[in-house]
Amino acid sequence: VAPDIVQREQYADFVRNRMFRQTLLCHKSAPISRALSLESLE
């Protein structure tokens, strides 16, 4: 039901009844990759 990470996080909040977050932001232009692999541990 949640195809992107923001929607998935929001639905997870609904399930957990979450009341506090510690969110990290970066520039819109920053290249984010969530495909974690061996190279991620370099």
PDB file of all heavy atoms in Angstrom:
ATOM      1  N   VAL A   1       0.811  -1.226   0.000  1.00  0.00           N
ATOM      2  CA  VAL A   1       0.000   0.000   0.000  1.00  0.00           C
ATOM      3  C   VAL A   1       0.841   1.271   0.000  1.00  0.00           C
ATOM      4  O   VAL A   1       0.324   2.354  -0.249  1.00  0.00           O
ATOM      5  CB  VAL A   1      -0.976   0.024   1.203  1.00  0.00           C
ATOM      6  CG1 VAL A   1      -1.862  -1.193   1.208  1.00  0.00           C
ATOM      7  CG2 VAL A   1      -0.214   0.143   2.527  1.00  0.00           C
ATOM      8  N   ALA A   2       2.140   1.128   0.302  1.00  0.00           N
ATOM      9  CA  ALA A   2       3.001   2.312   0.391  1.00  0.00           C
ATOM     10  C   ALA A   2       4.185   2.143  -0.563  1.00  0.00           C
ATOM     11  O   ALA A   2       5.214   1.589  -0.185  1.00  0.00           O
ATOM     12  CB  ALA A   2       3.487   2.506   1.825  1.00  0.00           C
ATOM     13  N   PRO A   3       4.056   2.607  -1.787  1.00  0.00           N
ATOM     14  CA  PRO A   3       5.107   2.388  -2.792  1.00  0.00           C
ATOM     15  C   PRO A   3       6.391   3.181  -2.568  1.00  0.00           C
ATOM     16  O   PRO A   3       7.436   2.799  -3.072  1.00  0.00           O
ATOM     17  CB  PRO A   3       4.427   2.803  -4.097  1.00  0.00           C
ATOM     18  CG  PRO A   3       3.364   3.777  -3.681  1.00  0.00           C
ATOM     19  CD  PRO A   3       2.877   3.286  -2.352  1.00  0.00           C
ATOM     20  N   ASP A   4       6.339   4.285  -1.854  1.00  0.00           N
ATOM     21  CA  ASP A   4       7.564   5.043  -1.592  1.00  0.00           C
ATOM     22  C   ASP A   4       7.826   5.112  -0.097  1.00  0.00           C
ATOM     23  O   ASP A   4       6.961   4.822   0.726  1.00  0.00           O
ATOM     24  CB  ASP A   4       7.497   6.442  -2.208  1.00  0.00           C
ATOM     25  CG  ASP A   4       6.440   7.316  -1.561  1.00  0.00           C
ATOM     26  OD1 ASP A   4       6.558   7.599  -0.349  1.00  0.00           O
ATOM     27  OD2 ASP A   4       5.485   7.713  -2.255  1.00  0.00           O
ATOM     28  N   ILE A   5       9.049   5.532   0.253  1.00  0.00           N
ATOM     29  CA  ILE A   5       9.486   5.451   1.638  1.00  0.00           C
ATOM     30  C   ILE A   5       8.711   6.385   2.559  1.00  0.00           C
ATOM     31  O   ILE A   5       8.442   6.046   3.714  1.00  0.00           O
ATOM     32  CB  ILE A   5      11.010   5.719   1.743  1.00  0.00           C
ATOM     33  CG1 ILE A   5      11.499   5.399   3.167  1.00  0.00           C
ATOM     34  CG2 ILE A   5      11.349   7.159   1.346  1.00  0.00           C
ATOM     35  CD1 ILE A   5      12.999   5.373   3.292  1.00  0.00           C
ATOM     36  N   VAL A   6       8.312   7.554   2.070  1.00  0.00           N
ATOM     37  CA  VAL A   6       7.568   8.490   2.922  1.00  0.00           C
ATOM     38  C   VAL A   6       6.207   7.904   3.283  1.00  0.00           C
ATOM     39  O   VAL A   6       5.785   7.933   4.452  1.00  0.00           O
ATOM     40  CB  VAL A   6       7.418   9.861   2.233  1.00  0.00           C
ATOM     41  CG1 VAL A   6       6.492  10.768   3.046  1.00  0.00           C
ATOM     42  CG2 VAL A   6       8.786  10.515   2.062  1.00  0.00           C
ATOM     43  N   GLN A   7       5.512   7.363   2.295  1.00  0.00           N
ATOM     44  CA  GLN A   7       4.213   6.739   2.583  1.00  0.00           C
ATOM     45  C   GLN A   7       4.377   5.546   3.518  1.00  0.00           C
ATOM     46  O   GLN A   7       3.587   5.366   4.452  1.00  0.00           O
ATOM     47  CB  GLN A   7       3.556   6.278   1.280  1.00  0.00           C
ATOM     48  CG  GLN A   7       3.086   7.406   0.375  1.00  0.00           C
ATOM     49  CD  GLN A   7       2.376   6.873  -0.853  1.00  0.00           C
ATOM     50  OE1 GLN A   7       1.457   6.082  -0.740  1.00  0.00           O
ATOM     51  NE2 GLN A   7       2.814   7.299  -2.030  1.00  0.00           N
ATOM     52  N   ARG A   8       5.412   4.752   3.279  1.00  0.00           N
ATOM     53  CA  ARG A   8       5.629   3.577   4.125  1.00  0.00           C
ATOM     54  C   ARG A   8       5.910   3.976   5.570  1.00  0.00           C
ATOM     55  O   ARG A   8       5.394   3.365   6.516  1.00  0.00           O
ATOM     56  CB  ARG A   8       6.776   2.739   3.568  1.00  0.00           C
ATOM     57  CG  ARG A   8       6.941   1.396   4.258  1.00  0.00           C
ATOM     58  CD  ARG A   8       7.697   0.416   3.394  1.00  0.00           C
ATOM     59  NE  ARG A   8       9.053   0.857   3.077  1.00  0.00           N
ATOM     60  CZ  ARG A   8       9.464   1.183   1.858  1.00  0.00           C
ATOM     61  NH1 ARG A   8       8.619   1.142   0.846  1.00  0.00           N
ATOM     62  NH2 ARG A   8      10.706   1.565   1.647  1.00  0.00           N
ATOM     63  N   GLU A   9       6.707   5.018   5.745  1.00  0.00           N
ATOM     64  CA  GLU A   9       6.999   5.498   7.095  1.00  0.00           C
ATOM     65  C   GLU A   9       5.740   6.036   7.772  1.00  0.00           C
ATOM     66  O   GLU A   9       5.533   5.845   8.969  1.00  0.00           O
ATOM     67  CB  GLU A   9       8.075   6.584   7.046  1.00  0.00           C
ATOM     68  CG  GLU A   9       9.478   6.063   6.780  1.00  0.00           C
ATOM     69  CD  GLU A   9      10.034   5.301   7.960  1.00  0.00           C
ATOM     70  OE1 GLU A   9      10.164   5.876   9.062  1.00  0.00           O
ATOM     71  OE2 GLU A   9      10.336   4.104   7.787  1.00  0.00           O
ATOM     72  N   GLN A  10       4.883   6.710   7.001  1.00  0.00           N
ATOM     73  CA  GLN A  10       3.663   7.254   7.591  1.00  0.00           C
ATOM     74  C   GLN A  10       2.713   6.142   8.016  1.00  0.00           C
ATOM     75  O   GLN A  10       2.148   6.179   9.114  1.00  0.00           O
ATOM     76  CB  GLN A  10       2.961   8.185   6.607  1.00  0.00           C
ATOM     77  CG  GLN A  10       1.712   8.843   7.180  1.00  0.00           C
ATOM     78  CD  GLN A  10       2.006   9.678   8.410  1.00  0.00           C
ATOM     79  OE1 GLN A  10       2.471  10.807   8.329  1.00  0.00           O
ATOM     80  NE2 GLN A  10       1.740   9.126   9.596  1.00  0.00           N
ATOM     81  N   TYR A  11       2.537   5.147   7.171  1.00  0.00           N
ATOM     82  CA  TYR A  11       1.669   4.024   7.549  1.00  0.00           C
ATOM     83  C   TYR A  11       2.251   3.266   8.741  1.00  0.00           C
ATOM     84  O   TYR A  11       1.513   2.785   9.606  1.00  0.00           O
ATOM     85  CB  TYR A  11       1.465   3.083   6.366  1.00  0.00           C
ATOM     86  CG  TYR A  11       0.403   3.560   5.402  1.00  0.00           C
ATOM     87  CD1 TYR A  11       0.747   4.091   4.161  1.00  0.00           C
ATOM     88  CD2 TYR A  11      -0.950   3.483   5.732  1.00  0.00           C
ATOM     89  CE1 TYR A  11      -0.211   4.538   3.275  1.00  0.00           C
ATOM     90  CE2 TYR A  11      -1.925   3.925   4.854  1.00  0.00           C
ATOM     91  CZ  TYR A  11      -1.557   4.456   3.625  1.00  0.00           C
ATOM     92  OH  TYR A  11      -2.527   4.907   2.756  1.00  0.00           O
ATOM     93  N   ALA A  12       3.575   3.162   8.798  1.00  0.00           N
ATOM     94  CA  ALA A  12       4.213   2.500   9.943  1.00  0.00           C
ATOM     95  C   ALA A  12       3.924   3.275  11.228  1.00  0.00           C
ATOM     96  O   ALA A  12       3.720   2.675  12.298  1.00  0.00           O
ATOM     97  CB  ALA A  12       5.722   2.378   9.722  1.00  0.00           C
ATOM     98  N   ASP A  13       3.897   4.607  11.139  1.00  0.00           N
ATOM     99  CA  ASP A  13       3.537   5.428  12.296  1.00  0.00           C
ATOM    100  C   ASP A  13       2.118   5.131  12.757  1.00  0.00           C
ATOM    101  O   ASP A  13       1.828   5.089  13.958  1.00  0.00           O
ATOM    102  CB  ASP A  13       3.665   6.919  11.968  1.00  0.00           C
ATOM    103  CG  ASP A  13       5.102   7.406  12.021  1.00  0.00           C
ATOM    104  OD1 ASP A  13       6.000   6.562  12.192  1.00  0.00           O
ATOM    105  OD2 ASP A  13       5.328   8.617  11.888  1.00  0.00           O
ATOM    106  N   PHE A  14       1.220   4.946  11.783  1.00  0.00           N
ATOM    107  CA  PHE A  14      -0.166   4.610  12.131  1.00  0.00           C
ATOM    108  C   PHE A  14      -0.220   3.301  12.917  1.00  0.00           C
ATOM    109  O   PHE A  14      -0.944   3.180  13.911  1.00  0.00           O
ATOM    110  CB  PHE A  14      -1.019   4.468  10.864  1.00  0.00           C
ATOM    111  CG  PHE A  14      -1.213   5.740  10.087  1.00  0.00           C
ATOM    112  CD1 PHE A  14      -1.547   5.692   8.737  1.00  0.00           C
ATOM    113  CD2 PHE A  14      -1.078   6.980  10.697  1.00  0.00           C
ATOM    114  CE1 PHE A  14      -1.734   6.855   8.015  1.00  0.00           C
ATOM    115  CE2 PHE A  14      -1.267   8.158   9.981  1.00  0.00           C
ATOM    116  CZ  PHE A  14      -1.598   8.095   8.634  1.00  0.00           C
ATOM    117  N   VAL A  15       0.550   2.328  12.463  1.00  0.00           N
ATOM    118  CA  VAL A  15       0.532   1.013  13.110  1.00  0.00           C
ATOM    119  C   VAL A  15       1.171   1.067  14.493  1.00  0.00           C
ATOM    120  O   VAL A  15       0.671   0.479  15.454  1.00  0.00           O
ATOM    121  CB  VAL A  15       1.259  -0.031  12.230  1.00  0.00           C
ATOM    122  CG1 VAL A  15       1.335  -1.386  12.948  1.00  0.00           C
ATOM    123  CG2 VAL A  15       0.554  -0.182  10.885  1.00  0.00           C
ATOM    124  N   ARG A  16       2.269   1.813  14.611  1.00  0.00           N
ATOM    125  CA  ARG A  16       3.011   1.870  15.874  1.00  0.00           C
ATOM    126  C   ARG A  16       2.419   2.878  16.863  1.00  0.00           C
ATOM    127  O   ARG A  16       2.797   2.902  18.023  1.00  0.00           O
ATOM    128  CB  ARG A  16       4.470   2.260  15.605  1.00  0.00           C
ATOM    129  CG  ARG A  16       5.286   1.212  14.871  1.00  0.00           C
ATOM    130  CD  ARG A  16       6.746   1.657  14.821  1.00  0.00           C
ATOM    131  NE  ARG A  16       7.608   0.655  14.221  1.00  0.00           N
ATOM    132  CZ  ARG A  16       8.286   0.814  13.088  1.00  0.00           C
ATOM    133  NH1 ARG A  16       8.174   1.955  12.417  1.00  0.00           N
ATOM    134  NH2 ARG A  16       9.061  -0.139  12.616  1.00  0.00           N
ATOM    135  N   ASN A  17       1.537   3.756  16.393  1.00  0.00           N
ATOM    136  CA  ASN A  17       1.041   4.862  17.218  1.00  0.00           C
ATOM    137  C   ASN A  17       2.212   5.729  17.676  1.00  0.00           C
ATOM    138  O   ASN A  17       2.320   6.123  18.829  1.00  0.00           O
ATOM    139  CB  ASN A  17       0.263   4.339  18.437  1.00  0.00           C
ATOM    140  CG  ASN A  17      -0.555   5.433  19.104  1.00  0.00           C
ATOM    141  OD1 ASN A  17      -1.103   6.302  18.445  1.00  0.00           O
ATOM    142  ND2 ASN A  17      -0.631   5.395  20.421  1.00  0.00           N
ATOM    143  N   ARG A  18       3.087   6.035  16.735  1.00  0.00           N
ATOM    144  CA  ARG A  18       4.339   6.724  17.037  1.00  0.00           C
ATOM    145  C   ARG A  18       4.098   8.151  17.494  1.00  0.00           C
ATOM    146  O   ARG A  18       3.229   8.844  16.973  1.00  0.00           O
ATOM    147  CB  ARG A  18       5.231   6.717  15.790  1.00  0.00           C
ATOM    148  CG  ARG A  18       6.653   7.182  16.047  1.00  0.00           C
ATOM    149  CD  ARG A  18       7.545   6.794  14.891  1.00  0.00           C
ATOM    150  NE  ARG A  18       8.915   7.197  15.126  1.00  0.00           N
ATOM    151  CZ  ARG A  18       9.939   6.742  14.403  1.00  0.00           C
ATOM    152  NH1 ARG A  18       9.733   5.878  13.437  1.00  0.00           N
ATOM    153  NH2 ARG A  18      11.163   7.155  14.657  1.00  0.00           N
ATOM    154  N   MET A  19       4.927   8.600  18.464  1.00  0.00           N
ATOM    155  CA  MET A  19       4.750   9.950  18.994  1.00  0.00           C
ATOM    156  C   MET A  19       6.015  10.806  18.939  1.00  0.00           C
ATOM    157  O   MET A  19       5.969  11.980  19.297  1.00  0.00           O
ATOM    158  CB  MET A  19       4.257   9.882  20.439  1.00  0.00           C
ATOM    159  CG  MET A  19       5.194   9.212  21.413  1.00  0.00           C
ATOM    160  SD  MET A  19       4.518   9.255  23.106  1.00  0.00           S
ATOM    161  CE  MET A  19       3.028   8.301  22.904  1.00  0.00           C
ATOM    162  N   PHE A  20       7.140  10.260  18.471  1.00  0.00           N
ATOM    163  CA  PHE A  20       8.374  11.053  18.444  1.00  0.00           C
ATOM    164  C   PHE A  20       9.253  10.564  17.304  1.00  0.00           C
ATOM    165  O   PHE A  20       9.380   9.365  17.066  1.00  0.00           O
ATOM    166  CB  PHE A  20       9.104  10.905  19.777  1.00  0.00           C
ATOM    167  CG  PHE A  20      10.330  11.771  19.919  1.00  0.00           C
ATOM    168  CD1 PHE A  20      10.215  13.146  20.011  1.00  0.00           C
ATOM    169  CD2 PHE A  20      11.595  11.205  19.972  1.00  0.00           C
ATOM    170  CE1 PHE A  20      11.345  13.952  20.156  1.00  0.00           C
ATOM    171  CE2 PHE A  20      12.729  11.993  20.123  1.00  0.00           C
ATOM    172  CZ  PHE A  20      12.604  13.370  20.215  1.00  0.00           C
ATOM    173  N   ARG A  21       9.851  11.503  16.597  1.00  0.00           N
ATOM    174  CA  ARG A  21      10.760  11.167  15.498  1.00  0.00           C
ATOM    175  C   ARG A  21      12.064  11.944  15.592  1.00  0.00           C
ATOM    176  O   ARG A  21      12.109  13.028  16.161  1.00  0.00           O
ATOM    177  CB  ARG A  21      10.100  11.453  14.137  1.00  0.00           C
ATOM    178  CG  ARG A  21       9.250  10.299  13.605  1.00  0.00           C
ATOM    179  CD  ARG A  21       8.785  10.566  12.198  1.00  0.00           C
ATOM    180  NE  ARG A  21       8.146   9.394  11.613  1.00  0.00           N
ATOM    181  CZ  ARG A  21       8.771   8.449  10.913  1.00  0.00           C
ATOM    182  NH1 ARG A  21      10.075   8.576  10.682  1.00  0.00           N
ATOM    183  NH2 ARG A  21       8.115   7.413  10.425  1.00  0.00           N
ATOM    184  N   GLN A  22      13.095  11.350  15.029  1.00  0.00           N
ATOM    185  CA  GLN A  22      14.421  11.972  14.941  1.00  0.00           C
ATOM    186  C   GLN A  22      14.843  11.872  13.481  1.00  0.00           C
ATOM    187  O   GLN A  22      15.571  10.977  13.079  1.00  0.00           O
ATOM    188  CB  GLN A  22      15.402  11.242  15.845  1.00  0.00           C
ATOM    189  CG  GLN A  22      14.966  11.245  17.303  1.00  0.00           C
ATOM    190  CD  GLN A  22      15.623  10.131  18.092  1.00  0.00           C
ATOM    191  OE1 GLN A  22      16.764  10.273  18.511  1.00  0.00           O
ATOM    192  NE2 GLN A  22      14.920   9.035  18.300  1.00  0.00           N
ATOM    193  N   THR A  23      14.349  12.823  12.693  1.00  0.00           N
ATOM    194  CA  THR A  23      14.427  12.751  11.240  1.00  0.00           C
ATOM    195  C   THR A  23      15.670  13.453  10.702  1.00  0.00           C
ATOM    196  O   THR A  23      16.062  14.513  11.202  1.00  0.00           O
ATOM    197  CB  THR A  23      13.156  13.371  10.624  1.00  0.00           C
ATOM    198  OG1 THR A  23      12.037  12.555  10.969  1.00  0.00           O
ATOM    199  CG2 THR A  23      13.255  13.474   9.118  1.00  0.00           C
ATOM    200  N   LEU A  24      16.268  12.851   9.666  1.00  0.00           N
ATOM    201  CA  LEU A  24      17.422  13.438   9.003  1.00  0.00           C
ATOM    202  C   LEU A  24      17.001  13.942   7.625  1.00  0.00           C
ATOM    203  O   LEU A  24      16.314  13.239   6.872  1.00  0.00           O
ATOM    204  CB  LEU A  24      18.542  12.401   8.847  1.00  0.00           C
ATOM    205  CG  LEU A  24      18.996  11.681  10.123  1.00  0.00           C
ATOM    206  CD1 LEU A  24      20.206  10.803   9.820  1.00  0.00           C
ATOM    207  CD2 LEU A  24      19.310  12.674  11.230  1.00  0.00           C
ATOM    208  N   LEU A  25      17.421  15.174   7.320  1.00  0.00           N
ATOM    209  CA  LEU A  25      17.132  15.801   6.032  1.00  0.00           C
ATOM    210  C   LEU A  25      18.432  16.140   5.317  1.00  0.00           C
ATOM    211  O   LEU A  25      19.475  16.339   5.950  1.00  0.00           O
ATOM    212  CB  LEU A  25      16.325  17.089   6.231  1.00  0.00           C
ATOM    213  CG  LEU A  25      14.960  16.977   6.920  1.00  0.00           C
ATOM    214  CD1 LEU A  25      14.401  18.374   7.180  1.00  0.00           C
ATOM    215  CD2 LEU A  25      13.987  16.146   6.097  1.00  0.00           C
ATOM    216  N   CYS A  26      18.365  16.223   4.014  1.00  0.00           N
ATOM    217  CA  CYS A  26      19.507  16.681   3.218  1.00  0.00           C
ATOM    218  C   CYS A  26      18.960  17.463   2.032  1.00  0.00           C
ATOM    219  O   CYS A  26      17.743  17.565   1.834  1.00  0.00           O
ATOM    220  CB  CYS A  26      20.365  15.504   2.750  1.00  0.00           C
ATOM    221  SG  CYS A  26      19.493  14.316   1.696  1.00  0.00           S
ATOM    222  N   HIS A  27      19.850  18.023   1.234  1.00  0.00           N
ATOM    223  CA  HIS A  27      19.413  18.807   0.082  1.00  0.00           C
ATOM    224  C   HIS A  27      18.666  17.932  -0.931  1.00  0.00           C
ATOM    225  O   HIS A  27      18.969  16.744  -1.088  1.00  0.00           O
ATOM    226  CB  HIS A  27      20.606  19.466  -0.606  1.00  0.00           C
ATOM    227  CG  HIS A  27      21.138  20.649   0.136  1.00  0.00           C
ATOM    228  ND1 HIS A  27      20.391  21.793   0.353  1.00  0.00           N
ATOM    229  CD2 HIS A  27      22.351  20.873   0.717  1.00  0.00           C
ATOM    230  CE1 HIS A  27      21.124  22.675   1.037  1.00  0.00           C
ATOM    231  NE2 HIS A  27      22.304  22.134   1.266  1.00  0.00           N
ATOM    232  N   LYS A  28      17.721  18.543  -1.604  1.00  0.00           N
ATOM    233  CA  LYS A  28      16.941  17.853  -2.631  1.00  0.00           C
ATOM    234  C   LYS A  28      17.840  17.284  -3.721  1.00  0.00           C
ATOM    235  O   LYS A  28      17.555  16.227  -4.309  1.00  0.00           O
ATOM    236  CB  LYS A  28      15.930  18.839  -3.232  1.00  0.00           C
ATOM    237  CG  LYS A  28      15.054  18.264  -4.320  1.00  0.00           C
ATOM    238  CD  LYS A  28      14.118  19.336  -4.872  1.00  0.00           C
ATOM    239  CE  LYS A  28      13.257  18.784  -6.007  1.00  0.00           C
ATOM    240  NZ  LYS A  28      12.353  19.842  -6.550  1.00  0.00           N
ATOM    241  N   SER A  29      18.944  17.963  -3.990  1.00  0.00           N
ATOM    242  CA  SER A  29      19.858  17.555  -5.064  1.00  0.00           C
ATOM    243  C   SER A  29      20.818  16.447  -4.646  1.00  0.00           C
ATOM    244  O   SER A  29      21.509  15.877  -5.496  1.00  0.00           O
ATOM    245  CB  SER A  29      20.673  18.767  -5.535  1.00  0.00           C
ATOM    246  OG  SER A  29      21.412  19.316  -4.436  1.00  0.00           O
ATOM    247  N   ALA A  30      20.876  16.128  -3.367  1.00  0.00           N
ATOM    248  CA  ALA A  30      21.818  15.110  -2.892  1.00  0.00           C
ATOM    249  C   ALA A  30      21.402  13.737  -3.404  1.00  0.00           C
ATOM    250  O   ALA A  30      20.235  13.359  -3.317  1.00  0.00           O
ATOM    251  CB  ALA A  30      21.869  15.118  -1.369  1.00  0.00           C
ATOM    252  N   PRO A  31      22.348  12.963  -3.947  1.00  0.00           N
ATOM    253  CA  PRO A  31      22.015  11.642  -4.517  1.00  0.00           C
ATOM    254  C   PRO A  31      21.849  10.588  -3.425  1.00  0.00           C
ATOM    255  O   PRO A  31      22.809  10.200  -2.763  1.00  0.00           O
ATOM    256  CB  PRO A  31      23.231  11.329  -5.397  1.00  0.00           C
ATOM    257  CG  PRO A  31      24.363  12.050  -4.719  1.00  0.00           C
ATOM    258  CD  PRO A  31      23.777  13.303  -4.114  1.00  0.00           C
ATOM    259  N   ILE A  32      20.633  10.120  -3.223  1.00  0.00           N
ATOM    260  CA  ILE A  32      20.356   9.100  -2.214  1.00  0.00           C
ATOM    261  C   ILE A  32      20.162   7.752  -2.886  1.00  0.00           C
ATOM    262  O   ILE A  32      19.455   7.649  -3.881  1.00  0.00           O
ATOM    263  CB  ILE A  32      19.097   9.455  -1.397  1.00  0.00           C
ATOM    264  CG1 ILE A  32      19.348  10.707  -0.553  1.00  0.00           C
ATOM    265  CG2 ILE A  32      18.697   8.302  -0.496  1.00  0.00           C
ATOM    266  CD1 ILE A  32      18.139  11.143   0.252  1.00  0.00           C
ATOM    267  N   SER A  33      20.801   6.738  -2.348  1.00  0.00           N
ATOM    268  CA  SER A  33      20.631   5.368  -2.834  1.00  0.00           C
ATOM    269  C   SER A  33      20.312   4.470  -1.643  1.00  0.00           C
ATOM    270  O   SER A  33      21.063   4.419  -0.674  1.00  0.00           O
ATOM    271  CB  SER A  33      21.909   4.874  -3.531  1.00  0.00           C
ATOM    272  OG  SER A  33      21.805   3.495  -3.826  1.00  0.00           O
ATOM    273  N   ARG A  34      19.198   3.766  -1.732  1.00  0.00           N
ATOM    274  CA  ARG A  34      18.810   2.869  -0.642  1.00  0.00           C
ATOM    275  C   ARG A  34      19.080   1.405  -0.994  1.00  0.00           C
ATOM    276  O   ARG A  34      18.617   0.503  -0.303  1.00  0.00           O
ATOM    277  CB  ARG A  34      17.336   3.096  -0.288  1.00  0.00           C
ATOM    278  CG  ARG A  34      17.041   4.558   0.056  1.00  0.00           C
ATOM    279  CD  ARG A  34      15.684   4.750   0.695  1.00  0.00           C
ATOM    280  NE  ARG A  34      15.354   6.162   0.768  1.00  0.00           N
ATOM    281  CZ  ARG A  34      15.780   6.989   1.725  1.00  0.00           C
ATOM    282  NH1 ARG A  34      16.547   6.535   2.691  1.00  0.00           N
ATOM    283  NH2 ARG A  34      15.432   8.272   1.719  1.00  0.00           N
ATOM    284  N   ALA A  35      19.842   1.185  -2.072  1.00  0.00           N
ATOM    285  CA  ALA A  35      20.237  -0.170  -2.459  1.00  0.00           C
ATOM    286  C   ALA A  35      21.499  -0.541  -1.694  1.00  0.00           C
ATOM    287  O   ALA A  35      22.624  -0.285  -2.147  1.00  0.00           O
ATOM    288  CB  ALA A  35      20.459  -0.244  -3.959  1.00  0.00           C
ATOM    289  N   LEU A  36      21.350  -1.116  -0.528  1.00  0.00           N
ATOM    290  CA  LEU A  36      22.482  -1.415   0.344  1.00  0.00           C
ATOM    291  C   LEU A  36      23.205  -2.677  -0.127  1.00  0.00           C
ATOM    292  O   LEU A  36      22.578  -3.667  -0.495  1.00  0.00           O
ATOM    293  CB  LEU A  36      21.992  -1.580   1.783  1.00  0.00           C
ATOM    294  CG  LEU A  36      21.135  -0.427   2.325  1.00  0.00           C
ATOM    295  CD1 LEU A  36      20.781  -0.664   3.785  1.00  0.00           C
ATOM    296  CD2 LEU A  36      21.846   0.907   2.151  1.00  0.00           C
ATOM    297  N   SER A  37      24.556  -2.616  -0.091  1.00  0.00           N
ATOM    298  CA  SER A  37      25.363  -3.731  -0.598  1.00  0.00           C
ATOM    299  C   SER A  37      26.717  -3.724   0.089  1.00  0.00           C
ATOM    300  O   SER A  37      26.968  -2.935   1.015  1.00  0.00           O
ATOM    301  CB  SER A  37      25.544  -3.600  -2.113  1.00  0.00           C
ATOM    302  OG  SER A  37      26.278  -2.413  -2.414  1.00  0.00           O
ATOM    303  N   LEU A  38      27.605  -4.596  -0.373  1.00  0.00           N
ATOM    304  CA  LEU A  38      28.960  -4.657   0.169  1.00  0.00           C
ATOM    305  C   LEU A  38      29.639  -3.296   0.104  1.00  0.00           C
ATOM    306  O   LEU A  38      30.331  -2.879   1.044  1.00  0.00           O
ATOM    307  CB  LEU A  38      29.779  -5.695  -0.607  1.00  0.00           C
ATOM    308  CG  LEU A  38      31.294  -5.725  -0.341  1.00  0.00           C
ATOM    309  CD1 LEU A  38      31.576  -6.051   1.124  1.00  0.00           C
ATOM    310  CD2 LEU A  38      31.976  -6.748  -1.258  1.00  0.00           C
ATOM    311  N   GLU A  39      29.413  -2.577  -0.988  1.00  0.00           N
ATOM    312  CA  GLU A  39      30.046  -1.265  -1.149  1.00  0.00           C
ATOM    313  C   GLU A  39      29.592  -0.286  -0.074  1.00  0.00           C
ATOM    314  O   GLU A  39      30.309   0.666   0.263  1.00  0.00           O
ATOM    315  CB  GLU A  39      29.727  -0.713  -2.538  1.00  0.00           C
ATOM    316  CG  GLU A  39      30.466  -1.394  -3.686  1.00  0.00           C
ATOM    317  CD  GLU A  39      30.019  -2.830  -3.932  1.00  0.00           C
ATOM    318  OE1 GLU A  39      28.834  -3.129  -3.645  1.00  0.00           O
ATOM    319  OE2 GLU A  39      30.844  -3.645  -4.391  1.00  0.00           O
ATOM    320  N   SER A  40      28.405  -0.491   0.486  1.00  0.00           N
ATOM    321  CA  SER A  40      27.900   0.384   1.544  1.00  0.00           C
ATOM    322  C   SER A  40      28.759   0.295   2.805  1.00  0.00           C
ATOM    323  O   SER A  40      28.762   1.207   3.625  1.00  0.00           O
ATOM    324  CB  SER A  40      26.453   0.016   1.893  1.00  0.00           C
ATOM    325  OG  SER A  40      25.621   0.037   0.766  1.00  0.00           O
ATOM    326  N   LEU A  41      29.488  -0.820   2.955  1.00  0.00           N
ATOM    327  CA  LEU A  41      30.298  -1.029   4.165  1.00  0.00           C
ATOM    328  C   LEU A  41      31.762  -0.647   3.962  1.00  0.00           C
ATOM    329  O   LEU A  41      32.593  -0.915   4.826  1.00  0.00           O
ATOM    330  CB  LEU A  41      30.212  -2.493   4.600  1.00  0.00           C
ATOM    331  CG  LEU A  41      28.830  -2.977   5.068  1.00  0.00           C
ATOM    332  CD1 LEU A  41      28.914  -4.392   5.614  1.00  0.00           C
ATOM    333  CD2 LEU A  41      28.254  -2.045   6.134  1.00  0.00           C
ATOM    334  N   GLU A  42      32.067  -0.022   2.837  1.00  0.00           N
ATOM    335  CA  GLU A  42      33.448   0.416   2.606  1.00  0.00           C
ATOM    336  C   GLU A  42      33.837   1.468   3.658  1.00  0.00           C
ATOM    337  O   GLU A  42      33.196   2.495   3.791  1.00  0.00           O
ATOM    338  CB  GLU A  42      33.587   1.002   1.199  1.00  0.00           C
ATOM    339  CG  GLU A  42      35.012   1.410   0.862  1.00  0.00           C
ATOM    340  CD  GLU A  42      35.138   1.934  -0.556  1.00  0.00           C
ATOM    341  OE1 GLU A  42      34.198   1.730  -1.358  1.00  0.00           O
ATOM    342  OE2 GLU A  42      36.176   2.558  -0.857  1.00  0.00           O
TER     343      GLU A  42
END
